[in-house]
């Protein structure tokens, strides 16, 4: 539905020299996440996607985040495209004053949202492997690169919008697990060697004609690649409770992702150590998606939430070092 674009976005477009001083802008508000206003804006040169960061996220809990995170999202997109062309939308402009990012518009008839496909039971291990391969190539290309590290001084942003609302908030709900969750926070904060997307979720991945396209890199951080691995695998496990009839397919996607990533990645010199960190982080993220500040919207039955809690609490109490062991614990719960 065509409608006038909000004045604050119009002003930002003018500052980016994408809209004339007297021109009006029309477009359509797009569905999206909790952290931004997102619009398709129709310019004379064609449609673009415009994303304006919000200082307070649209969740029940009080969750603040600095709007300058879009600066680093734009940097992540440029770096990703330089490594794997087409792996992110092309950046058209950035207005740092308002935290507004203009980027290439990707038509939904050609770029399908992975989350929607998974919800509908379309679990394709080959695409999951492509996601992992692309991610591993970006991690490897940026590993131990001082210039990339310099461009992403985002430790505090990453803590504020990832570690605190996920792991620290969950520790407050489960005080008996606070020491284990605190260790995960400390380990993640101390492990810094590659460019991390920070929100590798199916809702932020499009299935394009030439492979995956990653969106919403506003959590971009110079840190531990294991976070991206655990974050994505977490969603593949949770989808087993959303669409139970496709659980076997989601587990096949889990396996394909792990195999593809480990085969490609070379940034740590020790893939086993990376896998161990991901395997220990994954239960914390599982528990966070039911008891942190950003619970997944599709787990509404307490029975399902308790299943997540049982697996996550067990693995946090008795940690494992392989992602296969996490999968085994999850499969056992599904069969119960």
Protein backbone atom coordinates (compact mmCIF):
# COMPACT_ATOMS: atom_id res chain seq x y z
CA UNK A 1 0.00 0.00 0.00
CA UNK A 2 1.52 3.32 -1.09
CA UNK A 3 1.71 5.91 1.71
CA UNK A 4 3.77 8.97 2.69
CA UNK A 5 7.15 8.23 4.21
CA UNK A 6 7.69 9.60 7.76
CA UNK A 7 9.25 13.09 7.87
CA UNK A 8 12.34 11.94 9.76
CA UNK A 9 13.16 9.48 6.97
CA UNK A 10 12.52 12.11 4.31
CA UNK A 11 14.97 14.44 6.04
CA UNK A 12 17.56 11.68 6.21
CA UNK A 13 17.12 10.90 2.51
CA UNK A 14 17.74 14.57 1.70
CA UNK A 15 20.89 14.59 3.82
CA UNK A 16 22.06 11.53 1.85
CA UNK A 17 21.35 13.40 -1.44
CA UNK A 18 18.89 10.69 -2.43
CA UNK A 19 15.87 13.03 -2.49
CA UNK A 20 15.53 16.59 -3.69
CA UNK A 21 14.80 19.37 -1.23
CA UNK A 22 11.23 19.82 -2.45
CA UNK A 23 10.46 16.26 -3.52
CA UNK A 24 8.05 14.05 -1.62
CA UNK A 25 8.65 10.41 -0.84
CA UNK A 26 6.14 7.59 -0.91
CA UNK A 27 6.49 3.92 -0.26
CA UNK A 28 5.39 1.12 2.02
CA UNK A 29 6.21 0.23 5.60
CA UNK A 30 7.76 -3.22 5.59
CA UNK A 31 7.36 -5.90 8.24
CA UNK A 32 10.56 -6.46 10.12
CA UNK A 33 12.25 -6.86 13.43
CA UNK A 34 11.86 -5.07 16.70
CA UNK A 35 14.78 -2.69 16.36
CA UNK A 36 14.01 -0.44 13.38
CA UNK A 37 11.45 1.25 11.17
CA UNK A 38 11.85 -0.29 7.72
CA UNK A 39 10.40 1.16 4.52
CA UNK A 40 10.40 0.54 0.80
CA UNK A 41 10.83 4.04 -0.60
CA UNK A 42 10.06 4.67 -4.27
CA UNK A 43 12.55 7.12 -5.75
CA UNK A 44 12.59 8.29 -9.40
CA UNK A 45 15.59 5.98 -9.89
CA UNK A 46 13.69 3.01 -8.46
CA UNK A 47 12.81 1.52 -5.06
CA UNK A 48 15.24 1.35 -2.17
CA UNK A 49 14.97 -0.07 1.32
CA UNK A 50 15.40 2.41 4.18
CA UNK A 51 15.99 1.35 7.75
CA UNK A 52 15.93 3.78 10.69
CA UNK A 53 17.28 2.47 13.98
CA UNK A 54 15.12 2.87 17.08
CA UNK A 55 16.65 3.87 20.42
CA UNK A 56 14.22 1.56 22.26
CA UNK A 57 13.43 -1.84 20.83
CA UNK A 58 9.85 -3.05 20.46
CA UNK A 59 9.85 -5.74 23.14
CA UNK A 60 8.10 -6.03 26.48
CA UNK A 61 11.32 -5.54 28.45
CA UNK A 62 13.13 -2.21 28.61
CA UNK A 63 15.79 -2.70 25.92
CA UNK A 64 17.75 0.35 24.83
CA UNK A 65 20.26 0.41 21.96
CA UNK A 66 22.40 3.17 20.41
CA UNK A 67 21.21 4.30 16.97
CA UNK A 68 24.80 4.53 15.67
CA UNK A 69 24.70 0.76 15.26
CA UNK A 70 23.58 1.32 11.64
CA UNK A 71 27.05 2.74 10.92
CA UNK A 72 28.52 -0.66 11.68
CA UNK A 73 25.75 -2.50 9.87
CA UNK A 74 26.69 -0.59 6.71
CA UNK A 75 30.35 -1.46 7.27
CA UNK A 76 29.49 -5.15 7.73
CA UNK A 77 27.48 -5.18 4.50
CA UNK A 78 30.32 -3.60 2.53
CA UNK A 79 32.88 -6.01 4.00
CA UNK A 80 30.65 -9.04 3.38
CA UNK A 81 30.02 -8.05 -0.24
CA UNK A 82 33.74 -7.54 -0.78
CA UNK A 83 34.32 -11.11 0.40
CA UNK A 84 31.26 -12.87 -1.04
CA UNK A 85 29.60 -10.67 -3.69
CA UNK A 86 25.83 -10.57 -3.22
CA UNK A 87 25.90 -11.86 0.35
CA UNK A 88 24.35 -8.60 1.61
CA UNK A 89 22.31 -5.77 0.08
CA UNK A 90 24.39 -3.02 -1.52
CA UNK A 91 24.60 0.11 0.63
CA UNK A 92 23.09 3.16 -1.10
CA UNK A 93 23.60 5.73 1.66
CA UNK A 94 23.97 6.29 5.38
CA UNK A 95 22.79 9.18 7.55
CA UNK A 96 24.61 8.81 10.84
CA UNK A 97 22.78 11.74 12.45
CA UNK A 98 19.49 9.83 12.53
CA UNK A 99 20.78 6.27 12.29
CA UNK A 100 19.17 5.79 8.88
CA UNK A 101 20.55 3.32 6.36
CA UNK A 102 19.51 3.20 2.68
CA UNK A 103 20.20 0.00 0.80
CA UNK A 104 19.33 -2.02 -2.24
CA UNK A 105 15.70 -3.18 -2.34
CA UNK A 106 15.45 -6.93 -2.92
CA UNK A 107 12.02 -7.88 -4.34
CA UNK A 108 10.30 -10.55 -2.26
CA UNK A 109 9.20 -12.50 -5.32
CA UNK A 110 12.88 -13.31 -6.00
CA UNK A 111 14.31 -13.17 -2.48
CA UNK A 112 12.38 -15.43 -0.12
CA UNK A 113 12.63 -15.10 3.64
CA UNK A 114 14.23 -18.24 5.06
CA UNK A 115 12.19 -18.04 8.26
CA UNK A 116 8.94 -18.22 6.31
CA UNK A 117 10.16 -21.24 4.38
CA UNK A 118 11.19 -23.02 7.57
CA UNK A 119 7.83 -22.22 9.19
CA UNK A 120 6.16 -23.88 6.20
CA UNK A 121 8.31 -26.99 6.61
CA UNK A 122 10.64 -26.27 3.68
CA UNK A 123 13.85 -27.50 5.31
CA UNK A 124 16.58 -27.67 2.67
CA UNK A 125 19.95 -28.89 4.01
CA UNK A 126 21.70 -27.67 0.86
CA UNK A 127 20.66 -24.09 1.58
CA UNK A 128 21.67 -24.41 5.25
CA UNK A 129 25.08 -25.53 4.00
CA UNK A 130 25.26 -22.46 1.75
CA UNK A 131 24.48 -20.20 4.72
CA UNK A 132 27.28 -21.80 6.72
CA UNK A 133 29.74 -21.67 3.84
CA UNK A 134 29.11 -17.96 3.22
CA UNK A 135 29.42 -17.18 6.91
CA UNK A 136 32.66 -19.15 7.20
CA UNK A 137 34.13 -17.34 4.20
CA UNK A 138 33.40 -13.96 5.80
CA UNK A 139 34.84 -15.09 9.13
CA UNK A 140 37.96 -16.47 7.47
CA UNK A 141 38.54 -13.44 5.25
CA UNK A 142 38.38 -11.04 8.18
CA UNK A 143 40.25 -13.11 10.75
CA UNK A 144 43.16 -11.41 12.49
CA UNK A 145 42.84 -8.38 10.19
CA UNK A 146 43.83 -5.20 12.10
CA UNK A 147 41.98 -2.92 9.66
CA UNK A 148 38.70 -4.76 10.20
CA UNK A 149 39.24 -4.78 13.95
CA UNK A 150 39.77 -1.01 13.84
CA UNK A 151 36.53 -0.47 11.90
CA UNK A 152 34.35 -2.30 14.46
CA UNK A 153 34.93 -0.82 17.95
CA UNK A 154 31.55 -2.16 19.00
CA UNK A 155 32.23 -4.10 22.19
CA UNK A 156 29.77 -2.03 24.23
CA UNK A 157 27.05 -2.15 21.55
CA UNK A 158 27.40 -5.92 21.25
CA UNK A 159 27.13 -6.32 25.00
CA UNK A 160 24.09 -4.03 25.19
CA UNK A 161 22.11 -5.68 22.39
CA UNK A 162 23.33 -9.28 22.54
CA UNK A 163 25.09 -10.46 25.69
CA UNK A 164 23.08 -8.49 28.25
CA UNK A 165 19.54 -9.10 26.89
CA UNK A 166 20.26 -12.74 26.11
CA UNK A 167 22.69 -14.20 28.64
CA UNK A 168 22.79 -11.68 31.50
CA UNK A 169 19.00 -11.29 31.54
CA UNK A 170 18.58 -15.08 31.52
CA UNK A 171 20.96 -15.37 34.46
CA UNK A 172 18.64 -13.14 36.47
CA UNK A 173 15.74 -15.52 35.76
CA UNK A 174 17.87 -18.60 36.54
CA UNK A 175 20.17 -17.47 39.37
CA UNK A 176 21.35 -21.05 39.99
CA UNK A 177 22.90 -20.96 36.49
CA UNK A 178 24.32 -17.44 36.81
CA UNK A 179 27.92 -18.63 37.18
CA UNK A 180 27.72 -20.75 34.01
CA UNK A 181 26.11 -17.93 32.03
CA UNK A 182 28.64 -15.43 33.36
CA UNK A 183 31.44 -17.67 32.08
CA UNK A 184 29.83 -17.69 28.62
CA UNK A 185 29.65 -13.89 28.66
CA UNK A 186 33.26 -13.55 29.78
CA UNK A 187 34.57 -16.07 27.24
CA UNK A 188 32.65 -14.46 24.38
CA UNK A 189 33.80 -10.96 25.31
CA UNK A 190 37.43 -12.09 25.53
CA UNK A 191 37.53 -14.01 22.23
CA UNK A 192 38.07 -11.42 19.49
CA UNK A 193 39.54 -12.31 16.12
CA UNK A 194 36.96 -12.10 13.28
CA UNK A 195 34.03 -10.06 11.97
CA UNK A 196 30.79 -11.30 13.54
CA UNK A 197 27.31 -10.57 12.14
CA UNK A 198 25.66 -11.05 15.52
CA UNK A 199 22.10 -11.86 14.39
CA UNK A 200 22.35 -14.83 12.05
CA UNK A 201 18.70 -15.75 12.29
CA UNK A 202 16.44 -17.13 9.53
CA UNK A 203 14.41 -13.91 9.81
CA UNK A 204 17.53 -12.06 8.62
CA UNK A 205 18.45 -14.35 5.74
CA UNK A 206 16.94 -14.22 2.27
CA UNK A 207 17.07 -17.16 -0.09
CA UNK A 208 18.14 -15.40 -3.26
CA UNK A 209 18.61 -16.70 -6.78
CA UNK A 210 22.38 -16.95 -6.23
CA UNK A 211 22.51 -17.95 -2.58
CA UNK A 212 21.88 -16.51 0.87
CA UNK A 213 21.68 -12.75 1.49
CA UNK A 214 22.26 -11.58 5.07
CA UNK A 215 20.25 -8.68 6.49
CA UNK A 216 20.22 -6.74 9.77
CA UNK A 217 23.89 -6.68 10.71
CA UNK A 218 23.40 -3.97 13.32
CA UNK A 219 24.99 -6.23 15.96
CA UNK A 220 28.21 -6.39 13.90
CA UNK A 221 31.23 -6.92 16.13
CA UNK A 222 34.90 -7.78 16.02
CA UNK A 223 34.74 -10.91 18.15
CA UNK A 224 34.14 -14.65 18.28
CA UNK A 225 32.84 -16.39 15.16
CA UNK A 226 31.42 -19.11 17.41
CA UNK A 227 28.65 -16.70 18.37
CA UNK A 228 27.31 -16.58 14.79
CA UNK A 229 27.45 -20.37 14.55
CA UNK A 230 25.61 -20.96 17.82
CA UNK A 231 23.06 -18.22 17.12
CA UNK A 232 21.97 -19.74 13.80
CA UNK A 233 21.98 -23.34 15.01
CA UNK A 234 19.82 -22.28 17.95
CA UNK A 235 17.07 -21.26 15.54
CA UNK A 236 17.24 -24.54 13.62
CA UNK A 237 16.68 -26.45 16.87
CA UNK A 238 13.81 -24.23 18.03
CA UNK A 239 12.04 -24.62 14.68
CA UNK A 240 11.54 -28.30 15.57
CA UNK A 241 8.95 -27.14 18.11
CA UNK A 242 7.37 -24.59 15.76
CA UNK A 243 6.81 -27.01 12.89
CA UNK A 244 7.15 -30.49 14.44
CA UNK A 245 6.31 -32.32 11.22
CA UNK A 246 9.53 -30.97 9.69
CA UNK A 247 11.77 -31.67 12.70
CA UNK A 248 13.82 -34.28 10.86
CA UNK A 249 14.46 -31.77 8.09
CA UNK A 250 15.53 -29.08 10.56
CA UNK A 251 17.97 -31.51 12.18
CA UNK A 252 19.32 -32.35 8.73
CA UNK A 253 19.83 -28.61 8.19
CA UNK A 254 21.67 -28.47 11.54
CA UNK A 255 23.99 -31.26 10.41
CA UNK A 256 24.58 -29.71 6.99
CA UNK A 257 25.35 -26.33 8.53
CA UNK A 258 27.92 -27.78 10.94
CA UNK A 259 29.62 -29.89 8.28
CA UNK A 260 29.78 -27.05 5.78
CA UNK A 261 31.08 -24.52 8.30
CA UNK A 262 33.78 -26.75 9.76
CA UNK A 263 34.89 -27.76 6.25
CA UNK A 264 35.29 -24.14 5.13
CA UNK A 265 36.44 -22.22 8.18
CA UNK A 266 40.13 -21.72 8.77
CA UNK A 267 40.27 -18.58 10.84
CA UNK A 268 41.14 -19.95 14.25
CA UNK A 269 43.74 -22.56 13.45
CA UNK A 270 41.63 -24.82 15.66
CA UNK A 271 38.13 -25.62 14.40
CA UNK A 272 37.69 -27.96 17.37
CA UNK A 273 38.13 -25.08 19.81
CA UNK A 274 35.62 -22.96 17.89
CA UNK A 275 33.12 -25.84 17.90
CA UNK A 276 33.58 -26.30 21.64
CA UNK A 277 32.83 -22.63 22.30
CA UNK A 278 29.75 -22.82 20.06
CA UNK A 279 28.56 -26.02 21.76
CA UNK A 280 28.83 -24.39 25.20
CA UNK A 281 27.21 -21.14 24.06
CA UNK A 282 24.28 -22.78 22.27
CA UNK A 283 22.44 -23.96 25.45
CA UNK A 284 22.69 -20.44 26.88
CA UNK A 285 21.12 -19.03 23.74
CA UNK A 286 18.42 -21.73 23.80
CA UNK A 287 17.44 -20.76 27.32
CA UNK A 288 17.59 -17.06 26.40
CA UNK A 289 14.96 -17.51 23.71
CA UNK A 290 12.40 -18.49 26.33
CA UNK A 291 13.59 -16.55 29.40
CA UNK A 292 15.68 -13.64 28.10
CA UNK A 293 14.54 -10.23 26.92
CA UNK A 294 13.78 -11.46 23.38
CA UNK A 295 11.79 -14.73 23.60
CA UNK A 296 10.83 -16.30 20.29
CA UNK A 297 7.25 -15.41 19.49
CA UNK A 298 6.19 -18.86 18.30
CA UNK A 299 6.86 -20.83 21.50
CA UNK A 300 3.68 -19.99 23.38
CA UNK A 301 2.89 -23.35 24.99
CA UNK A 302 4.50 -23.79 28.39
CA UNK A 303 5.11 -27.44 27.56
CA UNK A 304 7.39 -26.45 24.69
CA UNK A 305 9.13 -23.77 26.73
CA UNK A 306 9.81 -26.32 29.44
CA UNK A 307 11.33 -28.69 26.90
CA UNK A 308 13.77 -25.97 25.92
CA UNK A 309 14.54 -25.30 29.58
CA UNK A 310 15.22 -28.98 30.33
CA UNK A 311 17.73 -29.37 27.51
CA UNK A 312 19.41 -26.01 28.05
CA UNK A 313 19.70 -26.36 31.82
CA UNK A 314 21.12 -29.88 31.49
CA UNK A 315 23.78 -28.78 29.02
CA UNK A 316 24.68 -25.68 31.01
CA UNK A 317 25.11 -27.80 34.14
CA UNK A 318 27.08 -30.50 32.32
CA UNK A 319 28.70 -28.79 29.29
CA UNK A 320 29.74 -30.63 26.13
CA UNK A 321 32.41 -29.78 23.57
CA UNK A 322 30.76 -30.82 20.33
CA UNK A 323 27.71 -29.58 18.49
CA UNK A 324 26.80 -33.20 17.82
CA UNK A 325 26.34 -33.72 21.57
CA UNK A 326 24.01 -30.73 21.74
CA UNK A 327 22.00 -32.19 18.85
CA UNK A 328 21.87 -35.55 20.63
CA UNK A 329 20.45 -34.00 23.80
CA UNK A 330 17.86 -32.09 21.78
CA UNK A 331 16.85 -35.17 19.77
CA UNK A 332 16.41 -37.14 22.98
CA UNK A 333 14.03 -34.48 24.31
CA UNK A 334 12.03 -34.43 21.06
CA UNK A 335 11.58 -38.19 21.29
CA UNK A 336 10.40 -38.08 24.92
